[in-house]
Amino acid sequence: MIVNIRWKRWLEYVGVIFFIFHFSLFISSCSDDDSGEVNEFENWVEQNDAVLSQWASNSSYQKFKSYTKDQVAVGKNSDYIYVRVVESGAGMEKPLFNDTVRVAYRLRYIPTKSYPDGYPVSETYTGDFSWKTISVANLALTNSLIDGFSTAVMNMHIGDRWIVNIPYQLGYGNPSSRDGIWDGSNLVYDIALVDFWHPGETRPPFKSRKK
C-alpha cells in the first residue's frame, strides 16, 4: 500500500515536471515570434536609407530631381524621386506649381517581411485600380504638399499612372512632420493623374464611370 502511494506521488511529480518543461517551450516560442514581429521594423531609418540606395542604383527607374533643388548640380540620392511608369497618358501639357490636380493614389511604406507590398498608409480608392471605378482627391500644388509628391505630378500628363518612390527627405522627414507617418519613412505612391486645371478655372465634381 505504501509502495503504491509513493509510486502515485512519483508519477504526479513527473507529470508536473513534464508540464513545466513543455509550457516553458511554448512561452519561448511565443517570445521568439513576438520578437520577430518587432524586429521587422527595428532600425527603420537605416532600412529606408538602404532602400534609397537600391532605388538610386536601379537603372530601370526614371528619376526626377525635386523642383525645390538646384537643377544644375548633380545632387544627392535623396534629392530625387524614382519612378516606374505603369501607364502613359496623352498630351504634352503638365501641371504647374500653382495648379490643382485631380488624382487617385495609394500610399504605402517600403516592403517588409509581413507586408511584401508595403504597409498601407492611405488611399483614395479601395480594391484593384481601375480608371472606371477609382475615387479621387483634388489637391492644390502648393507648399502644403510634400516635395516628392508635387515633383511627381508636375512631370505627369493626364492619363499617366506611376509608381513613385519618394525618399523621406522629400516626404515627411525624420522626425516626421505629420502625425501618423513614422519617422524616416520612404513613401511609395501609386499615382494616377485624372485631370488638372489652372487658377481661376473650375471642374465639375468627379464621377467615377462605374458600370
N, C-alpha and C. Protein backbone atom coordinates (compact mmCIF):
# COMPACT_ATOMS: atom_id res chain seq x y z
N MET A 1 0.83 -1.19 0.00
CA MET A 1 0.00 0.00 0.00
C MET A 1 0.87 1.25 0.00
N ILE A 2 1.87 1.25 0.87
CA ILE A 2 2.80 2.40 0.93
C ILE A 2 3.55 2.56 -0.39
N VAL A 3 3.92 1.44 -0.99
CA VAL A 3 4.64 1.48 -2.28
C VAL A 3 3.78 2.12 -3.35
N ASN A 4 2.47 1.73 -3.35
CA ASN A 4 1.57 2.29 -4.36
C ASN A 4 1.40 3.79 -4.20
N ILE A 5 1.32 4.25 -2.93
CA ILE A 5 1.19 5.70 -2.69
C ILE A 5 2.42 6.44 -3.17
N ARG A 6 3.61 5.88 -2.86
CA ARG A 6 4.85 6.52 -3.32
C ARG A 6 4.93 6.54 -4.84
N TRP A 7 4.53 5.44 -5.45
CA TRP A 7 4.56 5.37 -6.93
C TRP A 7 3.62 6.40 -7.53
N LYS A 8 2.45 6.55 -6.93
CA LYS A 8 1.48 7.52 -7.43
C LYS A 8 2.03 8.94 -7.32
N ARG A 9 2.66 9.24 -6.15
CA ARG A 9 3.23 10.58 -5.97
C ARG A 9 4.37 10.84 -6.95
N TRP A 10 5.16 9.79 -7.21
CA TRP A 10 6.28 9.96 -8.16
C TRP A 10 5.75 10.26 -9.56
N LEU A 11 4.67 9.58 -9.98
CA LEU A 11 4.06 9.86 -11.29
C LEU A 11 3.52 11.28 -11.36
N GLU A 12 2.92 11.72 -10.24
CA GLU A 12 2.41 13.09 -10.21
C GLU A 12 3.55 14.09 -10.34
N TYR A 13 4.67 13.79 -9.66
CA TYR A 13 5.84 14.67 -9.73
C TYR A 13 6.39 14.76 -11.15
N VAL A 14 6.49 13.58 -11.80
CA VAL A 14 6.99 13.54 -13.19
C VAL A 14 6.04 14.31 -14.10
N GLY A 15 4.73 14.17 -13.87
CA GLY A 15 3.75 14.88 -14.68
C GLY A 15 3.90 16.37 -14.58
N VAL A 16 4.14 16.87 -13.35
CA VAL A 16 4.32 18.30 -13.15
C VAL A 16 5.56 18.80 -13.88
N ILE A 17 6.67 18.03 -13.75
CA ILE A 17 7.91 18.41 -14.44
C ILE A 17 7.69 18.44 -15.95
N PHE A 18 6.98 17.43 -16.47
CA PHE A 18 6.71 17.35 -17.91
C PHE A 18 5.91 18.57 -18.36
N PHE A 19 4.90 18.98 -17.58
CA PHE A 19 4.06 20.13 -17.93
C PHE A 19 4.88 21.41 -17.94
N ILE A 20 5.70 21.59 -16.88
CA ILE A 20 6.50 22.81 -16.78
C ILE A 20 7.47 22.91 -17.95
N PHE A 21 8.08 21.79 -18.33
CA PHE A 21 9.04 21.78 -19.43
C PHE A 21 8.38 22.23 -20.73
N HIS A 22 7.24 21.64 -21.06
CA HIS A 22 6.57 21.97 -22.32
C HIS A 22 5.97 23.37 -22.29
N PHE A 23 5.51 23.79 -21.13
CA PHE A 23 4.97 25.14 -21.03
C PHE A 23 6.07 26.18 -21.27
N SER A 24 7.28 25.88 -20.75
CA SER A 24 8.40 26.81 -20.96
C SER A 24 8.79 26.88 -22.43
N LEU A 25 8.71 25.73 -23.12
CA LEU A 25 8.98 25.75 -24.56
C LEU A 25 7.97 26.58 -25.31
N PHE A 26 6.69 26.49 -24.91
CA PHE A 26 5.64 27.27 -25.55
C PHE A 26 5.88 28.76 -25.35
N ILE A 27 6.22 29.16 -24.12
CA ILE A 27 6.47 30.57 -23.84
C ILE A 27 7.65 31.07 -24.65
N SER A 28 8.70 30.25 -24.75
CA SER A 28 9.88 30.63 -25.51
C SER A 28 9.54 30.82 -26.97
N SER A 29 8.71 29.92 -27.51
CA SER A 29 8.31 30.02 -28.91
C SER A 29 7.53 31.29 -29.17
N CYS A 30 6.59 31.61 -28.26
CA CYS A 30 5.80 32.83 -28.41
C CYS A 30 6.69 34.06 -28.34
N SER A 31 7.68 34.02 -27.44
CA SER A 31 8.60 35.14 -27.31
C SER A 31 9.38 35.35 -28.59
N ASP A 32 9.83 34.25 -29.23
CA ASP A 32 10.56 34.35 -30.49
C ASP A 32 9.69 34.97 -31.57
N ASP A 33 8.40 34.54 -31.62
CA ASP A 33 7.50 35.09 -32.64
C ASP A 33 7.28 36.57 -32.43
N ASP A 34 7.10 36.96 -31.15
CA ASP A 34 6.87 38.36 -30.86
C ASP A 34 8.08 39.20 -31.25
N SER A 35 9.27 38.71 -30.93
CA SER A 35 10.47 39.47 -31.26
C SER A 35 10.64 39.57 -32.76
N GLY A 36 10.20 38.54 -33.48
CA GLY A 36 10.28 38.61 -34.94
C GLY A 36 9.44 39.72 -35.50
N GLU A 37 8.24 39.91 -34.93
CA GLU A 37 7.37 40.99 -35.39
C GLU A 37 7.99 42.35 -35.11
N VAL A 38 8.59 42.49 -33.93
CA VAL A 38 9.21 43.76 -33.58
C VAL A 38 10.42 44.04 -34.44
N ASN A 39 11.25 43.03 -34.66
CA ASN A 39 12.48 43.21 -35.43
C ASN A 39 12.23 43.65 -36.86
N GLU A 40 11.06 43.33 -37.36
CA GLU A 40 10.74 43.70 -38.74
C GLU A 40 10.82 45.21 -38.97
N PHE A 41 10.54 45.99 -37.94
CA PHE A 41 10.54 47.44 -38.08
C PHE A 41 11.62 48.11 -37.23
N GLU A 42 12.51 47.31 -36.66
CA GLU A 42 13.63 47.89 -35.95
C GLU A 42 14.60 48.52 -36.95
N ASN A 43 15.35 49.51 -36.47
CA ASN A 43 16.31 50.21 -37.33
C ASN A 43 15.61 50.71 -38.60
N TRP A 44 14.43 51.27 -38.40
CA TRP A 44 13.58 51.64 -39.54
C TRP A 44 14.24 52.66 -40.46
N VAL A 45 14.87 53.67 -39.89
CA VAL A 45 15.51 54.69 -40.71
C VAL A 45 16.64 54.07 -41.53
N GLU A 46 17.43 53.19 -40.90
CA GLU A 46 18.52 52.54 -41.62
C GLU A 46 17.98 51.67 -42.76
N GLN A 47 16.86 50.98 -42.51
CA GLN A 47 16.24 50.19 -43.57
C GLN A 47 15.84 51.07 -44.75
N ASN A 48 15.27 52.22 -44.44
CA ASN A 48 14.83 53.13 -45.50
C ASN A 48 16.01 53.75 -46.25
N ASP A 49 17.10 54.02 -45.53
CA ASP A 49 18.31 54.52 -46.20
C ASP A 49 18.85 53.47 -47.17
N ALA A 50 18.83 52.21 -46.76
CA ALA A 50 19.32 51.13 -47.63
C ALA A 50 18.44 50.99 -48.87
N VAL A 51 17.14 51.12 -48.70
CA VAL A 51 16.23 51.03 -49.85
C VAL A 51 16.47 52.18 -50.81
N LEU A 52 16.71 53.37 -50.29
CA LEU A 52 17.02 54.51 -51.16
C LEU A 52 18.25 54.23 -52.02
N SER A 53 19.26 53.63 -51.45
CA SER A 53 20.45 53.28 -52.22
C SER A 53 20.11 52.30 -53.34
N GLN A 54 19.19 51.37 -53.06
CA GLN A 54 18.76 50.42 -54.08
C GLN A 54 18.00 51.13 -55.20
N TRP A 55 17.14 52.04 -54.84
CA TRP A 55 16.42 52.81 -55.86
C TRP A 55 17.39 53.56 -56.76
N ALA A 56 18.36 54.22 -56.13
CA ALA A 56 19.29 55.07 -56.88
C ALA A 56 20.15 54.26 -57.84
N SER A 57 20.43 53.00 -57.49
CA SER A 57 21.30 52.18 -58.34
C SER A 57 20.51 51.35 -59.37
N ASN A 58 19.19 51.46 -59.33
CA ASN A 58 18.33 50.68 -60.24
C ASN A 58 18.10 51.48 -61.52
N SER A 59 18.71 51.06 -62.61
CA SER A 59 18.64 51.80 -63.86
C SER A 59 17.28 51.71 -64.54
N SER A 60 16.40 50.84 -64.05
CA SER A 60 15.07 50.72 -64.64
C SER A 60 14.14 51.85 -64.21
N TYR A 61 14.53 52.57 -63.15
CA TYR A 61 13.72 53.70 -62.69
C TYR A 61 14.06 54.96 -63.48
N GLN A 62 13.03 55.75 -63.77
CA GLN A 62 13.26 57.13 -64.18
C GLN A 62 13.40 57.96 -62.91
N LYS A 63 14.29 58.91 -62.94
CA LYS A 63 14.43 59.74 -61.75
C LYS A 63 14.24 61.21 -62.10
N PHE A 64 13.62 61.91 -61.17
CA PHE A 64 13.32 63.32 -61.33
C PHE A 64 13.79 64.05 -60.09
N LYS A 65 14.54 65.12 -60.31
CA LYS A 65 15.04 65.89 -59.19
C LYS A 65 13.93 66.76 -58.62
N SER A 66 13.91 66.89 -57.29
CA SER A 66 12.90 67.73 -56.66
C SER A 66 12.93 69.14 -57.23
N TYR A 67 11.75 69.68 -57.47
CA TYR A 67 11.67 71.03 -58.04
C TYR A 67 12.23 72.08 -57.08
N THR A 68 12.43 71.72 -55.81
CA THR A 68 12.97 72.66 -54.83
C THR A 68 14.50 72.64 -54.80
N LYS A 69 15.12 71.75 -55.55
CA LYS A 69 16.58 71.60 -55.53
C LYS A 69 17.21 72.29 -56.74
N ASP A 70 18.50 72.58 -56.61
CA ASP A 70 19.27 73.14 -57.72
C ASP A 70 19.26 72.14 -58.87
N GLN A 71 18.72 72.56 -60.01
CA GLN A 71 18.56 71.65 -61.15
C GLN A 71 19.86 71.45 -61.94
N VAL A 72 20.87 72.24 -61.65
CA VAL A 72 22.14 72.13 -62.37
C VAL A 72 23.08 71.14 -61.68
N ALA A 73 23.22 71.26 -60.39
CA ALA A 73 24.11 70.36 -59.64
C ALA A 73 23.58 68.93 -59.67
N VAL A 74 24.50 67.97 -59.57
CA VAL A 74 24.12 66.56 -59.58
C VAL A 74 23.26 66.22 -58.38
N GLY A 75 23.66 66.65 -57.21
CA GLY A 75 22.87 66.43 -56.01
C GLY A 75 23.05 65.05 -55.39
N LYS A 76 22.31 64.80 -54.32
CA LYS A 76 22.37 63.54 -53.59
C LYS A 76 21.24 62.62 -54.03
N ASN A 77 21.36 61.35 -53.65
CA ASN A 77 20.28 60.40 -53.96
C ASN A 77 18.94 60.87 -53.40
N SER A 78 18.99 61.49 -52.25
CA SER A 78 17.76 61.93 -51.60
C SER A 78 17.16 63.19 -52.22
N ASP A 79 17.81 63.73 -53.25
CA ASP A 79 17.26 64.89 -53.96
C ASP A 79 16.30 64.47 -55.07
N TYR A 80 16.18 63.17 -55.29
CA TYR A 80 15.42 62.65 -56.44
C TYR A 80 14.26 61.77 -55.99
N ILE A 81 13.25 61.70 -56.86
CA ILE A 81 12.24 60.65 -56.75
C ILE A 81 12.53 59.63 -57.84
N TYR A 82 12.07 58.40 -57.63
CA TYR A 82 12.39 57.29 -58.53
C TYR A 82 11.08 56.66 -59.00
N VAL A 83 10.90 56.63 -60.32
CA VAL A 83 9.58 56.37 -60.90
C VAL A 83 9.59 55.14 -61.79
N ARG A 84 8.53 54.35 -61.65
CA ARG A 84 8.23 53.29 -62.62
C ARG A 84 6.91 53.62 -63.28
N VAL A 85 6.92 53.75 -64.60
CA VAL A 85 5.71 54.11 -65.34
C VAL A 85 4.85 52.86 -65.54
N VAL A 86 3.61 52.93 -65.08
CA VAL A 86 2.67 51.82 -65.24
C VAL A 86 1.83 52.02 -66.49
N GLU A 87 1.33 53.24 -66.67
CA GLU A 87 0.55 53.61 -67.86
C GLU A 87 0.95 55.01 -68.29
N SER A 88 0.92 55.25 -69.61
CA SER A 88 1.25 56.57 -70.15
C SER A 88 0.01 57.21 -70.74
N GLY A 89 -0.20 58.46 -70.36
CA GLY A 89 -1.34 59.21 -70.89
C GLY A 89 -0.98 59.93 -72.19
N ALA A 90 -1.87 60.83 -72.59
CA ALA A 90 -1.68 61.56 -73.85
C ALA A 90 -1.47 63.03 -73.54
N GLY A 91 -1.01 63.75 -74.57
CA GLY A 91 -0.85 65.19 -74.43
C GLY A 91 0.54 65.58 -74.00
N MET A 92 0.79 66.89 -74.09
CA MET A 92 2.11 67.42 -73.78
C MET A 92 2.11 68.28 -72.52
N GLU A 93 0.95 68.80 -72.13
CA GLU A 93 0.89 69.74 -71.01
C GLU A 93 1.01 69.00 -69.68
N LYS A 94 1.69 69.66 -68.75
CA LYS A 94 1.87 69.13 -67.40
C LYS A 94 1.38 70.16 -66.39
N PRO A 95 1.00 69.72 -65.21
CA PRO A 95 0.58 70.68 -64.18
C PRO A 95 1.72 71.61 -63.79
N LEU A 96 1.35 72.85 -63.44
CA LEU A 96 2.29 73.83 -62.93
C LEU A 96 2.17 73.92 -61.41
N PHE A 97 3.12 74.62 -60.80
CA PHE A 97 3.20 74.65 -59.34
C PHE A 97 1.94 75.18 -58.68
N ASN A 98 1.26 76.14 -59.33
CA ASN A 98 0.08 76.74 -58.70
C ASN A 98 -1.23 76.14 -59.22
N ASP A 99 -1.17 75.00 -59.90
CA ASP A 99 -2.37 74.34 -60.40
C ASP A 99 -3.02 73.47 -59.33
N THR A 100 -4.21 72.99 -59.66
CA THR A 100 -4.88 71.98 -58.85
C THR A 100 -4.94 70.69 -59.64
N VAL A 101 -4.60 69.58 -58.99
CA VAL A 101 -4.60 68.29 -59.68
C VAL A 101 -5.69 67.40 -59.10
N ARG A 102 -6.24 66.58 -59.97
CA ARG A 102 -7.22 65.56 -59.56
C ARG A 102 -6.53 64.21 -59.73
N VAL A 103 -6.30 63.54 -58.63
CA VAL A 103 -5.51 62.31 -58.65
C VAL A 103 -6.21 61.19 -57.86
N ALA A 104 -5.92 59.99 -58.26
CA ALA A 104 -6.20 58.81 -57.44
C ALA A 104 -4.85 58.30 -56.96
N TYR A 105 -4.76 57.92 -55.72
CA TYR A 105 -3.47 57.44 -55.22
C TYR A 105 -3.64 56.40 -54.14
N ARG A 106 -2.57 55.66 -53.95
CA ARG A 106 -2.45 54.70 -52.86
C ARG A 106 -1.05 54.85 -52.29
N LEU A 107 -0.95 55.00 -50.98
CA LEU A 107 0.35 55.23 -50.33
C LEU A 107 0.69 54.06 -49.42
N ARG A 108 1.94 53.59 -49.54
CA ARG A 108 2.45 52.53 -48.69
C ARG A 108 3.87 52.87 -48.25
N TYR A 109 4.33 52.16 -47.21
CA TYR A 109 5.74 52.21 -46.83
C TYR A 109 6.52 51.21 -47.68
N ILE A 110 7.82 51.13 -47.45
CA ILE A 110 8.66 50.18 -48.18
C ILE A 110 8.25 48.75 -47.80
N PRO A 111 8.48 47.77 -48.67
CA PRO A 111 8.11 46.38 -48.36
C PRO A 111 8.89 45.84 -47.16
N THR A 112 8.20 44.99 -46.40
CA THR A 112 8.82 44.26 -45.29
C THR A 112 8.37 42.80 -45.37
N LYS A 113 8.85 41.99 -44.45
CA LYS A 113 8.54 40.57 -44.48
C LYS A 113 7.04 40.31 -44.42
N SER A 114 6.37 40.95 -43.50
CA SER A 114 4.93 40.73 -43.34
C SER A 114 4.08 41.51 -44.33
N TYR A 115 4.69 42.55 -44.93
CA TYR A 115 3.98 43.40 -45.88
C TYR A 115 4.81 43.52 -47.15
N PRO A 116 4.80 42.48 -48.00
CA PRO A 116 5.64 42.50 -49.20
C PRO A 116 5.29 43.61 -50.19
N ASP A 117 4.07 44.13 -50.11
CA ASP A 117 3.68 45.26 -50.96
C ASP A 117 3.85 46.59 -50.23
N GLY A 118 4.31 46.53 -48.99
CA GLY A 118 4.45 47.73 -48.17
C GLY A 118 3.26 47.92 -47.25
N TYR A 119 3.53 48.41 -46.06
CA TYR A 119 2.46 48.65 -45.09
C TYR A 119 1.55 49.76 -45.61
N PRO A 120 0.23 49.52 -45.70
CA PRO A 120 -0.68 50.54 -46.26
C PRO A 120 -0.86 51.72 -45.32
N VAL A 121 -0.83 52.92 -45.89
CA VAL A 121 -0.94 54.15 -45.11
C VAL A 121 -2.24 54.90 -45.41
N SER A 122 -2.49 55.20 -46.68
CA SER A 122 -3.71 55.90 -47.07
C SER A 122 -3.99 55.65 -48.54
N GLU A 123 -5.21 55.93 -48.95
CA GLU A 123 -5.61 55.72 -50.34
C GLU A 123 -6.91 56.46 -50.62
N THR A 124 -7.13 56.75 -51.90
CA THR A 124 -8.38 57.40 -52.29
C THR A 124 -9.40 56.39 -52.80
N TYR A 125 -8.99 55.14 -52.99
CA TYR A 125 -9.89 54.11 -53.50
C TYR A 125 -9.54 52.79 -52.84
N THR A 126 -10.43 51.84 -52.95
CA THR A 126 -10.19 50.51 -52.40
C THR A 126 -10.26 49.48 -53.52
N GLY A 127 -9.70 48.31 -53.27
CA GLY A 127 -9.71 47.27 -54.28
C GLY A 127 -8.67 47.52 -55.36
N ASP A 128 -8.76 46.77 -56.43
CA ASP A 128 -7.82 46.91 -57.54
C ASP A 128 -8.05 48.24 -58.27
N PHE A 129 -6.98 48.74 -58.86
CA PHE A 129 -7.08 50.00 -59.60
C PHE A 129 -7.87 49.80 -60.89
N SER A 130 -8.76 50.75 -61.16
CA SER A 130 -9.48 50.78 -62.43
C SER A 130 -9.87 52.22 -62.70
N TRP A 131 -9.61 52.70 -63.91
CA TRP A 131 -10.00 54.06 -64.27
C TRP A 131 -11.52 54.24 -64.17
N LYS A 132 -12.26 53.14 -64.27
CA LYS A 132 -13.72 53.22 -64.27
C LYS A 132 -14.33 53.34 -62.88
N THR A 133 -13.58 52.93 -61.85
CA THR A 133 -14.17 52.87 -60.51
C THR A 133 -13.41 53.64 -59.44
N ILE A 134 -12.30 54.27 -59.79
CA ILE A 134 -11.49 54.96 -58.79
C ILE A 134 -12.22 56.16 -58.18
N SER A 135 -11.87 56.45 -56.95
CA SER A 135 -12.23 57.70 -56.31
C SER A 135 -10.98 58.58 -56.29
N VAL A 136 -11.19 59.90 -56.23
CA VAL A 136 -10.07 60.82 -56.41
C VAL A 136 -10.02 61.86 -55.30
N ALA A 137 -8.92 62.62 -55.32
CA ALA A 137 -8.76 63.78 -54.45
C ALA A 137 -8.32 64.95 -55.31
N ASN A 138 -8.83 66.14 -55.00
CA ASN A 138 -8.39 67.37 -55.66
C ASN A 138 -7.38 68.06 -54.75
N LEU A 139 -6.17 68.24 -55.24
CA LEU A 139 -5.08 68.76 -54.41
C LEU A 139 -4.46 69.98 -55.07
N ALA A 140 -4.31 71.04 -54.33
CA ALA A 140 -3.63 72.24 -54.82
C ALA A 140 -2.13 72.05 -54.66
N LEU A 141 -1.40 72.29 -55.74
CA LEU A 141 0.05 72.11 -55.69
C LEU A 141 0.71 73.34 -55.08
N THR A 142 0.67 73.38 -53.79
CA THR A 142 1.27 74.48 -53.04
C THR A 142 2.23 73.90 -52.03
N ASN A 143 2.70 74.75 -51.13
CA ASN A 143 3.64 74.29 -50.12
C ASN A 143 3.04 73.31 -49.13
N SER A 144 1.72 73.09 -49.20
CA SER A 144 1.08 72.17 -48.26
C SER A 144 1.35 70.72 -48.60
N LEU A 145 1.81 70.44 -49.82
CA LEU A 145 2.13 69.08 -50.23
C LEU A 145 3.63 68.83 -50.10
N ILE A 146 3.99 67.57 -49.91
CA ILE A 146 5.41 67.25 -49.80
C ILE A 146 6.10 67.43 -51.15
N ASP A 147 7.39 67.73 -51.12
CA ASP A 147 8.16 67.99 -52.34
C ASP A 147 8.08 66.84 -53.33
N GLY A 148 8.22 65.62 -52.80
CA GLY A 148 8.27 64.46 -53.70
C GLY A 148 6.99 64.25 -54.47
N PHE A 149 5.85 64.44 -53.81
CA PHE A 149 4.56 64.28 -54.48
C PHE A 149 4.37 65.36 -55.54
N SER A 150 4.63 66.62 -55.19
CA SER A 150 4.48 67.71 -56.14
C SER A 150 5.41 67.52 -57.34
N THR A 151 6.65 67.10 -57.08
CA THR A 151 7.60 66.87 -58.17
C THR A 151 7.07 65.82 -59.13
N ALA A 152 6.47 64.77 -58.59
CA ALA A 152 5.93 63.70 -59.44
C ALA A 152 4.83 64.21 -60.34
N VAL A 153 3.80 64.81 -59.77
CA VAL A 153 2.64 65.19 -60.59
C VAL A 153 2.97 66.31 -61.56
N MET A 154 3.96 67.14 -61.24
CA MET A 154 4.34 68.20 -62.18
C MET A 154 5.11 67.65 -63.38
N ASN A 155 5.41 66.37 -63.37
CA ASN A 155 6.06 65.72 -64.51
C ASN A 155 5.13 64.73 -65.21
N MET A 156 3.86 64.70 -64.81
CA MET A 156 2.91 63.74 -65.36
C MET A 156 1.96 64.41 -66.35
N HIS A 157 1.39 63.59 -67.23
CA HIS A 157 0.32 64.01 -68.13
C HIS A 157 -0.98 63.34 -67.69
N ILE A 158 -2.09 63.90 -68.11
CA ILE A 158 -3.38 63.27 -67.81
C ILE A 158 -3.40 61.86 -68.40
N GLY A 159 -3.80 60.91 -67.59
CA GLY A 159 -3.81 59.51 -68.01
C GLY A 159 -2.59 58.73 -67.60
N ASP A 160 -1.57 59.42 -67.08
CA ASP A 160 -0.39 58.72 -66.56
C ASP A 160 -0.72 58.04 -65.24
N ARG A 161 -0.13 56.87 -65.05
CA ARG A 161 -0.16 56.20 -63.76
C ARG A 161 1.25 55.76 -63.44
N TRP A 162 1.78 56.24 -62.33
CA TRP A 162 3.16 55.98 -61.95
C TRP A 162 3.24 55.37 -60.55
N ILE A 163 4.25 54.51 -60.37
CA ILE A 163 4.69 54.13 -59.02
C ILE A 163 5.84 55.08 -58.68
N VAL A 164 5.66 55.87 -57.64
CA VAL A 164 6.61 56.92 -57.30
C VAL A 164 7.25 56.61 -55.94
N ASN A 165 8.56 56.41 -55.95
CA ASN A 165 9.33 56.14 -54.74
C ASN A 165 9.95 57.45 -54.25
N ILE A 166 9.57 57.85 -53.05
CA ILE A 166 9.98 59.15 -52.52
C ILE A 166 10.84 58.96 -51.27
N PRO A 167 12.08 59.44 -51.28
CA PRO A 167 12.89 59.39 -50.05
C PRO A 167 12.24 60.20 -48.94
N TYR A 168 12.47 59.80 -47.70
CA TYR A 168 11.83 60.52 -46.60
C TYR A 168 12.27 61.97 -46.53
N GLN A 169 13.44 62.29 -47.10
CA GLN A 169 13.91 63.67 -47.12
C GLN A 169 13.01 64.56 -47.99
N LEU A 170 12.32 63.95 -48.97
CA LEU A 170 11.37 64.69 -49.81
C LEU A 170 9.93 64.38 -49.42
N GLY A 171 9.80 63.66 -48.29
CA GLY A 171 8.48 63.31 -47.77
C GLY A 171 8.21 64.06 -46.48
N TYR A 172 8.03 63.29 -45.40
CA TYR A 172 7.70 63.90 -44.12
C TYR A 172 8.88 63.96 -43.17
N GLY A 173 10.06 63.51 -43.64
CA GLY A 173 11.29 63.74 -42.91
C GLY A 173 11.54 62.81 -41.74
N ASN A 174 12.60 63.12 -41.01
CA ASN A 174 12.99 62.39 -39.80
C ASN A 174 13.53 63.41 -38.79
N PRO A 175 12.76 63.73 -37.74
CA PRO A 175 11.47 63.13 -37.38
C PRO A 175 10.35 63.55 -38.32
N SER A 176 9.27 62.80 -38.30
CA SER A 176 8.17 63.06 -39.21
C SER A 176 7.46 64.36 -38.85
N SER A 177 7.06 65.10 -39.89
CA SER A 177 6.33 66.35 -39.69
C SER A 177 4.83 66.14 -39.72
N ARG A 178 4.39 64.90 -39.84
CA ARG A 178 2.95 64.61 -39.91
C ARG A 178 2.59 63.49 -38.95
N ASP A 179 1.54 63.71 -38.18
CA ASP A 179 1.05 62.68 -37.28
C ASP A 179 0.62 61.45 -38.08
N GLY A 180 0.97 60.27 -37.58
CA GLY A 180 0.57 59.04 -38.25
C GLY A 180 1.57 58.53 -39.26
N ILE A 181 2.58 59.33 -39.61
CA ILE A 181 3.65 58.88 -40.51
C ILE A 181 4.88 58.61 -39.67
N TRP A 182 5.43 57.41 -39.80
CA TRP A 182 6.59 57.04 -38.99
C TRP A 182 7.81 57.88 -39.36
N ASP A 183 8.64 58.14 -38.37
CA ASP A 183 9.88 58.88 -38.61
C ASP A 183 10.74 58.17 -39.65
N GLY A 184 11.33 58.95 -40.55
CA GLY A 184 12.28 58.40 -41.51
C GLY A 184 11.70 57.39 -42.47
N SER A 185 10.47 57.61 -42.91
CA SER A 185 9.81 56.65 -43.80
C SER A 185 9.85 57.10 -45.25
N ASN A 186 10.50 56.31 -46.10
CA ASN A 186 10.33 56.50 -47.54
C ASN A 186 8.86 56.22 -47.88
N LEU A 187 8.38 56.84 -48.93
CA LEU A 187 6.98 56.70 -49.32
C LEU A 187 6.89 56.11 -50.72
N VAL A 188 5.99 55.15 -50.88
CA VAL A 188 5.78 54.53 -52.19
C VAL A 188 4.33 54.83 -52.60
N TYR A 189 4.20 55.72 -53.57
CA TYR A 189 2.89 56.13 -54.07
C TYR A 189 2.57 55.44 -55.39
N ASP A 190 1.33 55.03 -55.54
CA ASP A 190 0.76 54.65 -56.83
C ASP A 190 -0.17 55.81 -57.19
N ILE A 191 0.24 56.63 -58.18
CA ILE A 191 -0.48 57.86 -58.51
C ILE A 191 -1.02 57.79 -59.93
N ALA A 192 -2.28 58.15 -60.10
CA ALA A 192 -2.89 58.30 -61.43
C ALA A 192 -3.37 59.74 -61.55
N LEU A 193 -2.93 60.42 -62.60
CA LEU A 193 -3.34 61.80 -62.83
C LEU A 193 -4.59 61.80 -63.71
N VAL A 194 -5.71 62.21 -63.12
CA VAL A 194 -7.00 62.19 -63.82
C VAL A 194 -7.24 63.50 -64.56
N ASP A 195 -6.87 64.63 -63.94
CA ASP A 195 -7.13 65.95 -64.54
C ASP A 195 -6.32 66.98 -63.79
N PHE A 196 -6.20 68.18 -64.35
CA PHE A 196 -5.64 69.31 -63.62
C PHE A 196 -6.16 70.59 -64.26
N TRP A 197 -6.10 71.67 -63.49
CA TRP A 197 -6.56 72.95 -64.02
C TRP A 197 -5.81 74.08 -63.35
N HIS A 198 -5.83 75.23 -64.08
CA HIS A 198 -5.07 76.41 -63.65
C HIS A 198 -5.91 77.27 -62.70
N PRO A 199 -5.26 78.19 -61.98
CA PRO A 199 -6.02 79.10 -61.09
C PRO A 199 -7.09 79.86 -61.88
N GLY A 200 -8.25 79.97 -61.29
CA GLY A 200 -9.36 80.65 -61.95
C GLY A 200 -10.26 79.72 -62.74
N GLU A 201 -9.76 78.52 -63.06
CA GLU A 201 -10.57 77.52 -63.76
C GLU A 201 -11.28 76.63 -62.74
N THR A 202 -12.33 75.99 -63.17
CA THR A 202 -13.06 75.06 -62.31
C THR A 202 -13.34 73.77 -63.07
N ARG A 203 -13.72 72.76 -62.32
CA ARG A 203 -14.12 71.48 -62.89
C ARG A 203 -15.37 70.98 -62.15
N PRO A 204 -16.26 70.29 -62.84
CA PRO A 204 -17.41 69.71 -62.15
C PRO A 204 -16.95 68.61 -61.20
N PRO A 205 -17.76 68.24 -60.22
CA PRO A 205 -17.40 67.14 -59.31
C PRO A 205 -17.11 65.86 -60.09
N PHE A 206 -16.15 65.11 -59.60
CA PHE A 206 -15.74 63.88 -60.29
C PHE A 206 -16.76 62.79 -60.04
N LYS A 207 -17.09 62.06 -61.11
CA LYS A 207 -17.96 60.90 -61.01
C LYS A 207 -17.25 59.72 -61.67
N SER A 208 -17.00 58.68 -60.90
CA SER A 208 -16.35 57.51 -61.48
C SER A 208 -17.31 56.85 -62.47
N ARG A 209 -16.74 56.23 -63.48
CA ARG A 209 -17.55 55.64 -64.54
C ARG A 209 -17.88 54.20 -64.20
N LYS A 210 -18.60 53.99 -63.11
CA LYS A 210 -18.94 52.63 -62.68
C LYS A 210 -19.94 52.02 -63.64
N LYS A 211 -19.75 50.70 -63.86
CA LYS A 211 -20.66 50.02 -64.77
C LYS A 211 -22.02 49.83 -64.10
